[in-house]
C-alpha atoms as a PDB file:
ATOM      1  CA  MET A   1      45.554  66.472 -84.288  1.00  0.00           C
ATOM      2  CA  LYS A   2      47.333  65.508 -81.068  1.00  0.00           C
ATOM      3  CA  PHE A   3      43.929  64.929 -79.457  1.00  0.00           C
ATOM      4  CA  LEU A   4      42.924  62.499 -82.207  1.00  0.00           C
ATOM      5  CA  VAL A   5      46.293  60.724 -82.098  1.00  0.00           C
ATOM      6  CA  ASP A   6      45.938  60.250 -78.338  1.00  0.00           C
ATOM      7  CA  PHE A   7      42.401  58.910 -78.787  1.00  0.00           C
ATOM      8  CA  VAL A   8      43.213  56.445 -81.581  1.00  0.00           C
ATOM      9  CA  ASP A   9      46.225  55.219 -79.604  1.00  0.00           C
ATOM     10  CA  HIS A  10      43.784  53.440 -77.260  1.00  0.00           C
ATOM     11  CA  PHE A  11      42.975  51.004 -80.083  1.00  0.00           C
ATOM     12  CA  LEU A  12      46.177  50.967 -82.122  1.00  0.00           C
ATOM     13  CA  MET A  13      48.219  47.775 -82.205  1.00  0.00           C
ATOM     14  CA  PRO A  14      51.974  48.023 -81.525  1.00  0.00           C
ATOM     15  CA  GLY A  15      53.711  49.238 -84.673  1.00  0.00           C
ATOM     16  CA  GLY A  16      50.458  50.604 -86.085  1.00  0.00           C
ATOM     17  CA  GLU A  17      50.204  53.803 -88.082  1.00  0.00           C
ATOM     18  CA  ILE A  18      47.842  56.788 -88.165  1.00  0.00           C
ATOM     19  CA  THR A  19      47.411  58.656 -91.468  1.00  0.00           C
ATOM     20  CA  PHE A  20      45.725  62.057 -91.790  1.00  0.00           C
ATOM     21  CA  LEU A  21      44.096  62.393 -95.212  1.00  0.00           C
ATOM     22  CA  HIS A  22      43.348  65.616 -97.078  1.00  0.00           C
ATOM     23  CA  ILE A  23      41.054  65.292-100.118  1.00  0.00           C
ATOM     24  CA  ILE A  24      41.055  67.840-102.928  1.00  0.00           C
ATOM     25  CA  ALA A  25      37.636  67.445-104.537  1.00  0.00           C
ATOM     26  CA  SER A  26      38.318  68.630-108.074  1.00  0.00           C
ATOM     27  CA  ASP A  27      38.726  67.376-111.635  1.00  0.00           C
ATOM     28  CA  LEU A  28      41.852  69.506-111.898  1.00  0.00           C
ATOM     29  CA  PHE A  29      44.868  69.311-109.604  1.00  0.00           C
ATOM     30  CA  ILE A  30      44.914  73.067-109.004  1.00  0.00           C
ATOM     31  CA  ILE A  31      45.635  74.075-105.429  1.00  0.00           C
ATOM     32  CA  SER A  32      45.791  77.594-104.080  1.00  0.00           C
ATOM     33  CA  PRO A  33      48.963  78.780-102.280  1.00  0.00           C
ATOM     34  CA  ALA A  34      46.941  79.072 -99.052  1.00  0.00           C
ATOM     35  CA  GLU A  35      45.820  75.453 -99.312  1.00  0.00           C
ATOM     36  CA  TRP A  36      49.373  74.296 -99.926  1.00  0.00           C
ATOM     37  CA  ARG A  37      50.520  76.231 -96.848  1.00  0.00           C
ATOM     38  CA  ARG A  38      47.852  74.489 -94.762  1.00  0.00           C
ATOM     39  CA  ALA A  39      48.950  71.134 -96.137  1.00  0.00           C
ATOM     40  CA  MET A  40      52.620  71.821 -95.399  1.00  0.00           C
ATOM     41  CA  SER A  41      51.770  72.987 -91.874  1.00  0.00           C
ATOM     42  CA  THR A  42      49.819  69.774 -91.256  1.00  0.00           C
ATOM     43  CA  ILE A  43      52.628  67.632 -92.623  1.00  0.00           C
ATOM     44  CA  SER A  44      55.062  69.371 -90.254  1.00  0.00           C
ATOM     45  CA  THR A  45      52.698  68.711 -87.364  1.00  0.00           C
ATOM     46  CA  THR A  46      52.447  65.003 -88.221  1.00  0.00           C
ATOM     47  CA  HIS A  47      56.237  64.691 -88.209  1.00  0.00           C
ATOM     48  CA  LEU A  48      56.374  66.388 -84.812  1.00  0.00           C
ATOM     49  CA  LEU A  49      53.661  64.105 -83.421  1.00  0.00           C
ATOM     50  CA  SER A  50      55.456  61.055 -84.769  1.00  0.00           C
ATOM     51  CA  ALA A  51      58.624  62.083 -82.934  1.00  0.00           C
ATOM     52  CA  THR A  52      57.036  63.139 -79.635  1.00  0.00           C
ATOM     53  CA  GLU A  53      54.327  60.463 -79.352  1.00  0.00           C
ATOM     54  CA  GLY A  54      56.590  57.586 -80.370  1.00  0.00           C
ATOM     55  CA  MET A  55      54.265  56.304 -83.090  1.00  0.00           C
ATOM     56  CA  ARG A  56      54.006  56.409 -86.876  1.00  0.00           C
ATOM     57  CA  VAL A  57      51.890  59.385 -87.920  1.00  0.00           C
ATOM     58  CA  GLY A  58      51.595  60.229 -91.617  1.00  0.00           C
ATOM     59  CA  TYR A  59      49.777  62.633 -93.928  1.00  0.00           C
ATOM     60  CA  ARG A  60      48.476  62.207 -97.471  1.00  0.00           C
ATOM     61  CA  VAL A  61      47.016  64.586-100.053  1.00  0.00           C
ATOM     62  CA  LYS A  62      44.706  62.950-102.579  1.00  0.00           C
ATOM     63  CA  LYS A  63      42.693  64.276-105.524  1.00  0.00           C
ATOM     64  CA  SER A  64      39.259  62.797-106.176  1.00  0.00           C
ATOM     65  CA  LEU A  65      35.892  63.714-107.676  1.00  0.00           C
ATOM     66  CA  SER A  66      34.404  63.995-104.171  1.00  0.00           C
ATOM     67  CA  VAL A  67      35.528  63.897-100.538  1.00  0.00           C
ATOM     68  CA  ALA A  68      33.626  60.676 -99.848  1.00  0.00           C
ATOM     69  CA  MET A  69      34.977  58.951-102.964  1.00  0.00           C
ATOM     70  CA  GLY A  70      38.534  59.998-102.114  1.00  0.00           C
ATOM     71  CA  ILE A  71      38.297  58.606 -98.592  1.00  0.00           C
ATOM     72  CA  LEU A  72      36.785  55.315 -99.769  1.00  0.00           C
ATOM     73  CA  GLU A  73      39.399  54.918-102.521  1.00  0.00           C
ATOM     74  CA  GLU A  74      42.269  55.594-100.117  1.00  0.00           C
ATOM     75  CA  ALA A  75      40.871  53.229 -97.473  1.00  0.00           C
ATOM     76  CA  GLU A  76      40.610  50.381 -99.968  1.00  0.00           C
ATOM     77  CA  SER A  77      43.852  50.916-101.879  1.00  0.00           C
ATOM     78  CA  GLY A  78      45.907  51.676 -98.780  1.00  0.00           C
ATOM     79  CA  GLY A  79      44.878  48.593 -96.818  1.00  0.00           C
ATOM     80  CA  TYR A  80      43.621  50.545 -93.802  1.00  0.00           C
ATOM     81  CA  ASP A  81      41.757  48.885 -90.934  1.00  0.00           C
ATOM     82  CA  LEU A  82      39.809  51.930 -89.759  1.00  0.00           C
ATOM     83  CA  ILE A  83      38.319  55.169 -91.069  1.00  0.00           C
ATOM     84  CA  LEU A  84      37.917  57.810 -88.356  1.00  0.00           C
ATOM     85  CA  LEU A  85      35.724  60.811 -89.176  1.00  0.00           C
ATOM     86  CA  ALA A  86      35.897  63.447 -86.452  1.00  0.00           C
ATOM     87  CA  ASN A  87      34.179  66.750 -85.787  1.00  0.00           C
ATOM     88  CA  SER A  88      34.706  69.006 -82.788  1.00  0.00           C
ATOM     89  CA  THR A  89      31.799  71.416 -83.264  1.00  0.00           C
ATOM     90  CA  TYR A  90      28.111  71.202 -82.450  1.00  0.00           C
ATOM     91  CA  ARG A  91      26.932  72.907 -85.657  1.00  0.00           C
ATOM     92  CA  LYS A  92      23.387  72.777 -84.305  1.00  0.00           C
ATOM     93  CA  ARG A  93      22.058  75.089 -87.011  1.00  0.00           C
ATOM     94  CA  LEU A  94      22.581  72.378 -89.634  1.00  0.00           C
ATOM     95  CA  LYS A  95      19.979  69.692 -90.282  1.00  0.00           C
ATOM     96  CA  HIS A  96      22.678  67.004 -90.476  1.00  0.00           C
ATOM     97  CA  ILE A  97      25.893  67.875 -88.652  1.00  0.00           C
ATOM     98  CA  PHE A  98      28.111  65.610 -90.751  1.00  0.00           C
ATOM     99  CA  GLY A  99      26.083  65.556 -93.961  1.00  0.00           C
ATOM    100  CA  SER A 100      25.903  63.276 -96.957  1.00  0.00           C
ATOM    101  CA  ASN A 101      29.666  62.624 -97.243  1.00  0.00           C
ATOM    102  CA  VAL A 102      29.713  60.719 -93.962  1.00  0.00           C
ATOM    103  CA  ASP A 103      26.510  58.895 -94.824  1.00  0.00           C
ATOM    104  CA  GLU A 104      28.008  57.715 -98.128  1.00  0.00           C
ATOM    105  CA  ILE A 105      31.217  56.599 -96.437  1.00  0.00           C
ATOM    106  CA  ILE A 106      29.347  54.642 -93.761  1.00  0.00           C
ATOM    107  CA  ARG A 107      27.129  52.894 -96.294  1.00  0.00           C
ATOM    108  CA  GLN A 108      29.935  51.980 -98.710  1.00  0.00           C
ATOM    109  CA  SER A 109      32.959  51.497 -96.462  1.00  0.00           C
ATOM    110  CA  LYS A 110      34.555  48.053 -96.523  1.00  0.00           C
ATOM    111  CA  VAL A 111      36.571  48.705 -93.349  1.00  0.00           C
ATOM    112  CA  GLU A 112      35.613  49.557 -89.783  1.00  0.00           C
ATOM    113  CA  THR A 113      34.343  53.141 -89.611  1.00  0.00           C
ATOM    114  CA  ILE A 114      34.007  55.474 -86.634  1.00  0.00           C
ATOM    115  CA  VAL A 115      32.261  58.841 -86.521  1.00  0.00           C
ATOM    116  CA  PHE A 116      33.504  60.770 -83.489  1.00  0.00           C
ATOM    117  CA  ARG A 117      32.065  64.029 -82.196  1.00  0.00           C
ATOM    118  CA  TYR A 118      34.339  65.334 -79.468  1.00  0.00           C
ATOM    119  CA  MET A 119      34.397  68.553 -77.448  1.00  0.00           C
ATOM    120  CA  GLU A 120      37.307  70.811 -78.184  1.00  0.00           C
ATOM    121  CA  ASP A 121      36.839  72.826 -74.991  1.00  0.00           C
ATOM    122  CA  LYS A 122      36.685  69.793 -72.710  1.00  0.00           C
ATOM    123  CA  ALA A 123      39.312  67.187 -71.864  1.00  0.00           C
ATOM    124  CA  MET A 124      38.338  63.610 -72.684  1.00  0.00           C
ATOM    125  CA  GLY A 125      37.401  61.382 -69.773  1.00  0.00           C
ATOM    126  CA  TYR A 126      36.674  57.665 -69.726  1.00  0.00           C
ATOM    127  CA  ASP A 127      35.392  57.005 -66.199  1.00  0.00           C
ATOM    128  CA  ARG A 128      31.779  56.441 -67.286  1.00  0.00           C
ATOM    129  CA  ILE A 129      30.758  55.130 -70.723  1.00  0.00           C
ATOM    130  CA  LEU A 130      27.178  54.786 -71.996  1.00  0.00           C
ATOM    131  CA  ILE A 131      26.260  52.292 -74.750  1.00  0.00           C
ATOM    132  CA  PRO A 132      22.643  52.617 -75.946  1.00  0.00           C
ATOM    133  CA  THR A 133      21.667  49.530 -77.947  1.00  0.00           C
ATOM    134  CA  SER A 134      18.862  47.842 -79.831  1.00  0.00           C
ATOM    135  CA  GLY A 135      20.825  44.602 -80.069  1.00  0.00           C
ATOM    136  CA  TYR A 136      22.464  45.046 -83.486  1.00  0.00           C
ATOM    137  CA  GLN A 137      26.027  44.047 -84.390  1.00  0.00           C
ATOM    138  CA  HIS A 138      27.388  47.594 -84.599  1.00  0.00           C
ATOM    139  CA  SER A 139      26.613  48.100 -80.904  1.00  0.00           C
ATOM    140  CA  VAL A 140      28.599  44.939 -80.143  1.00  0.00           C
ATOM    141  CA  LYS A 141      31.572  46.494 -81.925  1.00  0.00           C
ATOM    142  CA  ALA A 142      31.104  49.604 -79.794  1.00  0.00           C
ATOM    143  CA  ALA A 143      31.279  47.342 -76.745  1.00  0.00           C
ATOM    144  CA  MET A 144      34.548  45.843 -78.017  1.00  0.00           C
ATOM    145  CA  LEU A 145      36.070  49.310 -78.233  1.00  0.00           C
ATOM    146  CA  ALA A 146      34.722  50.097 -74.753  1.00  0.00           C
ATOM    147  CA  GLU A 147      36.610  47.040 -73.505  1.00  0.00           C
ATOM    148  CA  GLU A 148      39.887  48.632 -74.559  1.00  0.00           C
ATOM    149  CA  LEU A 149      39.014  51.835 -72.718  1.00  0.00           C
ATOM    150  CA  HIS A 150      38.048  49.809 -69.640  1.00  0.00           C
ATOM    151  CA  LYS A 151      41.421  48.056 -69.666  1.00  0.00           C
ATOM    152  CA  LYS A 152      43.317  51.355 -69.651  1.00  0.00           C
ATOM    153  CA  HIS A 153      41.019  53.503 -67.513  1.00  0.00           C
ATOM    154  CA  GLY A 154      38.883  51.118 -65.449  1.00  0.00           C
ATOM    155  CA  SER A 155      35.788  52.611 -67.094  1.00  0.00           C
ATOM    156  CA  GLU A 156      32.339  51.920 -65.699  1.00  0.00           C
ATOM    157  CA  ILE A 157      30.185  50.809 -68.655  1.00  0.00           C
ATOM    158  CA  THR A 158      26.398  51.198 -68.774  1.00  0.00           C
ATOM    159  CA  VAL A 159      24.316  49.421 -71.427  1.00  0.00           C
ATOM    160  CA  LEU A 160      20.941  51.049 -72.109  1.00  0.00           C
ATOM    161  CA  TYR A 161      17.877  49.867 -74.007  1.00  0.00           C
ATOM    162  CA  VAL A 162      14.946  52.216 -74.549  1.00  0.00           C
ATOM    163  CA  GLY A 163      11.678  50.735 -75.757  1.00  0.00           C
ATOM    164  CA  GLU A 164       8.667  48.554 -75.114  1.00  0.00           C
ATOM    165  CA  GLY A 165      10.009  45.406 -76.812  1.00  0.00           C
ATOM    166  CA  ASP A 166      12.042  42.499 -75.493  1.00  0.00           C
ATOM    167  CA  ALA A 167      14.637  44.407 -73.482  1.00  0.00           C
ATOM    168  CA  ALA A 168      16.499  41.282 -72.380  1.00  0.00           C
ATOM    169  CA  ALA A 169      17.011  40.172 -75.993  1.00  0.00           C
ATOM    170  CA  ALA A 170      18.167  43.633 -77.063  1.00  0.00           C
ATOM    171  CA  LEU A 171      20.616  44.005 -74.169  1.00  0.00           C
ATOM    172  CA  LYS A 172      22.007  40.476 -74.364  1.00  0.00           C
ATOM    173  CA  PRO A 173      24.504  40.768 -77.294  1.00  0.00           C
ATOM    174  CA  VAL A 174      26.308  43.764 -75.797  1.00  0.00           C
ATOM    175  CA  SER A 175      26.117  42.702 -72.150  1.00  0.00           C
ATOM    176  CA  ASP A 176      27.260  39.155 -73.024  1.00  0.00           C
ATOM    177  CA  ARG A 177      30.213  40.560 -74.959  1.00  0.00           C
ATOM    178  CA  LEU A 178      31.279  42.617 -71.948  1.00  0.00           C
ATOM    179  CA  HIS A 179      30.764  39.735 -69.512  1.00  0.00           C
ATOM    180  CA  ASP A 180      32.941  37.517 -71.731  1.00  0.00           C
ATOM    181  CA  ALA A 181      35.687  40.129 -71.353  1.00  0.00           C
ATOM    182  CA  GLY A 182      35.373  40.027 -67.561  1.00  0.00           C
ATOM    183  CA  ILE A 183      33.449  43.314 -67.335  1.00  0.00           C
ATOM    184  CA  ALA A 184      30.235  43.582 -65.315  1.00  0.00           C
ATOM    185  CA  PRO A 185      28.227  46.336 -67.033  1.00  0.00           C
ATOM    186  CA  ARG A 186      25.423  48.324 -65.470  1.00  0.00           C
ATOM    187  CA  VAL A 187      22.301  47.375 -67.454  1.00  0.00           C
ATOM    188  CA  LEU A 188      19.313  49.722 -67.805  1.00  0.00           C
ATOM    189  CA  ASN A 189      15.910  49.419 -69.466  1.00  0.00           C
ATOM    190  CA  ARG A 190      14.018  52.664 -69.922  1.00  0.00           C
ATOM    191  CA  LYS A 191      10.666  53.465 -71.517  1.00  0.00           C
ATOM    192  CA  GLY A 192       9.895  56.645 -73.388  1.00  0.00           C
ATOM    193  CA  LEU A 193      10.922  58.562 -76.493  1.00  0.00           C
ATOM    194  CA  VAL A 194      14.160  56.955 -77.669  1.00  0.00           C
ATOM    195  CA  VAL A 195      16.368  59.986 -78.362  1.00  0.00           C
ATOM    196  CA  GLU A 196      15.104  62.081 -75.463  1.00  0.00           C
ATOM    197  CA  THR A 197      15.458  59.195 -72.999  1.00  0.00           C
ATOM    198  CA  ILE A 198      18.997  58.369 -74.121  1.00  0.00           C
ATOM    199  CA  LEU A 199      20.043  62.027 -73.914  1.00  0.00           C
ATOM    200  CA  ASP A 200      18.499  62.300 -70.440  1.00  0.00           C
ATOM    201  CA  GLU A 201      20.613  59.368 -69.281  1.00  0.00           C
ATOM    202  CA  ALA A 202      23.722  60.752 -71.012  1.00  0.00           C
ATOM    203  CA  ASP A 203      23.267  63.970 -69.041  1.00  0.00           C
ATOM    204  CA  ARG A 204      23.867  62.095 -65.776  1.00  0.00           C
ATOM    205  CA  GLY A 205      27.614  62.497 -65.696  1.00  0.00           C
ATOM    206  CA  TYR A 206      28.833  60.262 -68.541  1.00  0.00           C
ATOM    207  CA  ASP A 207      32.170  60.952 -70.210  1.00  0.00           C
ATOM    208  CA  LEU A 208      31.458  59.206 -73.520  1.00  0.00           C
ATOM    209  CA  MET A 209      28.504  57.724 -75.407  1.00  0.00           C
ATOM    210  CA  MET A 210      29.224  54.891 -77.854  1.00  0.00           C
ATOM    211  CA  ILE A 211      26.539  53.901 -80.369  1.00  0.00           C
ATOM    212  CA  GLY A 212      26.289  51.577 -83.345  1.00  0.00           C
ATOM    213  CA  ALA A 213      25.294  52.725 -86.818  1.00  0.00           C
ATOM    214  CA  THR A 214      21.678  51.804 -87.398  1.00  0.00           C
ATOM    215  CA  GLU A 215      20.881  48.650 -89.368  1.00  0.00           C
ATOM    216  CA  LYS A 216      17.151  49.220 -89.650  1.00  0.00           C
ATOM    217  CA  PRO A 217      15.971  49.422 -93.299  1.00  0.00           C
ATOM    218  CA  LEU A 218      13.789  52.420 -92.397  1.00  0.00           C
ATOM    219  CA  TYR A 219      16.918  54.540 -91.974  1.00  0.00           C
ATOM    220  CA  GLN A 220      19.060  53.273 -94.838  1.00  0.00           C
ATOM    221  CA  ASN A 221      18.384  56.286 -97.045  1.00  0.00           C
ATOM    222  CA  PHE A 222      20.215  58.560 -94.635  1.00  0.00           C
ATOM    223  CA  LEU A 223      21.882  56.780 -91.747  1.00  0.00           C
ATOM    224  CA  LEU A 224      22.842  59.946 -89.906  1.00  0.00           C
ATOM    225  CA  GLY A 225      19.534  61.686 -90.570  1.00  0.00           C
ATOM    226  CA  SER A 226      17.634  59.939 -87.819  1.00  0.00           C
ATOM    227  CA  THR A 227      18.353  58.677 -84.327  1.00  0.00           C
ATOM    228  CA  ALA A 228      22.156  58.659 -84.610  1.00  0.00           C
ATOM    229  CA  ASP A 229      22.328  62.202 -85.967  1.00  0.00           C
ATOM    230  CA  ARG A 230      20.043  63.530 -83.227  1.00  0.00           C
ATOM    231  CA  LEU A 231      22.090  61.794 -80.557  1.00  0.00           C
ATOM    232  CA  ILE A 232      25.379  63.118 -81.943  1.00  0.00           C
ATOM    233  CA  LYS A 233      23.965  66.631 -82.178  1.00  0.00           C
ATOM    234  CA  GLY A 234      22.229  66.730 -78.797  1.00  0.00           C
ATOM    235  CA  SER A 235      24.541  64.751 -76.540  1.00  0.00           C
ATOM    236  CA  PRO A 236      26.057  66.570 -73.537  1.00  0.00           C
ATOM    237  CA  CYS A 237      29.146  64.349 -73.827  1.00  0.00           C
ATOM    238  CA  PRO A 238      31.345  63.186 -76.733  1.00  0.00           C
ATOM    239  CA  VAL A 239      29.761  60.560 -79.002  1.00  0.00           C
ATOM    240  CA  LEU A 240      31.452  57.755 -80.923  1.00  0.00           C
ATOM    241  CA  MET A 241      29.421  55.930 -83.581  1.00  0.00           C
ATOM    242  CA  VAL A 242      30.693  52.630 -84.980  1.00  0.00           C
ATOM    243  CA  LYS A 243      30.018  50.802 -88.218  1.00  0.00           C
ATOM    244  CA  SER A 244      31.290  47.238 -87.901  1.00  0.00           C
ATOM    245  CA  ILE A 245      32.264  44.889 -90.720  1.00  0.00           C
ATOM    246  CA  GLY A 246      33.418  41.934 -88.651  1.00  0.00           C
ATOM    247  CA  ASP A 247      34.899  40.791 -85.382  1.00  0.00           C
ATOM    248  CA  LYS A 248      38.305  42.462 -85.430  1.00  0.00           C
ATOM    249  CA  ARG A 249      39.371  43.384 -81.919  1.00  0.00           C
ATOM    250  CA  ASN A 250      42.358  45.618 -82.595  1.00  0.00           C
ATOM    251  CA  ILE A 251      43.323  48.171 -85.193  1.00  0.00           C
ATOM    252  CA  LYS A 252      46.622  47.857 -87.032  1.00  0.00           C
END
């Protein structure tokens, strides 16, 4: 939890609040003693984090028919600016490492949404950030978040396009966004298989890969079942995937 609080703090506006949400997916509000103990332990941890980190950290327990529905309901009714879905394990044996809950949340969310796969056994670094892009708006949002990391860590940002099409047009939205913020990104155009080529570049000493949720109709049935899921599963570094809903720069 402290790791996630430290990470979100990069984007949190002064006076902002982080809420950890636990969903009980059941028609009946029946909770085992063990589950209550876990909830109470987490609540105690949030209070400790709030005191030691100097920020507002809260915890909520919510009953809903499904995990995805509970998260979406809470996000809308609670006036949140961001949903962060995090996973620290590779879970390579699974076909989709996050599964249908995350896919449903990404497709239906009315607020900014981030899917973050971090490495529990490795400290986060921000010296080198890779942003693969096809020119869609979600990648531009990823670039906006990279700006905040650059401000605090002086991160070197690389923008990568893989494909045979108009590379300049695909790279322009993200690179222009960074240039407008006073950041001179390293821009690369590679040819080859998309996932394999991106992962090959990511293996060259990057600390973080930031990607946008796909907007191609071909992948709308299962957003994480294609390129994004394969990148998240196979990346040698942490991966942050962004679904944008607008041009908000900061998170409340």
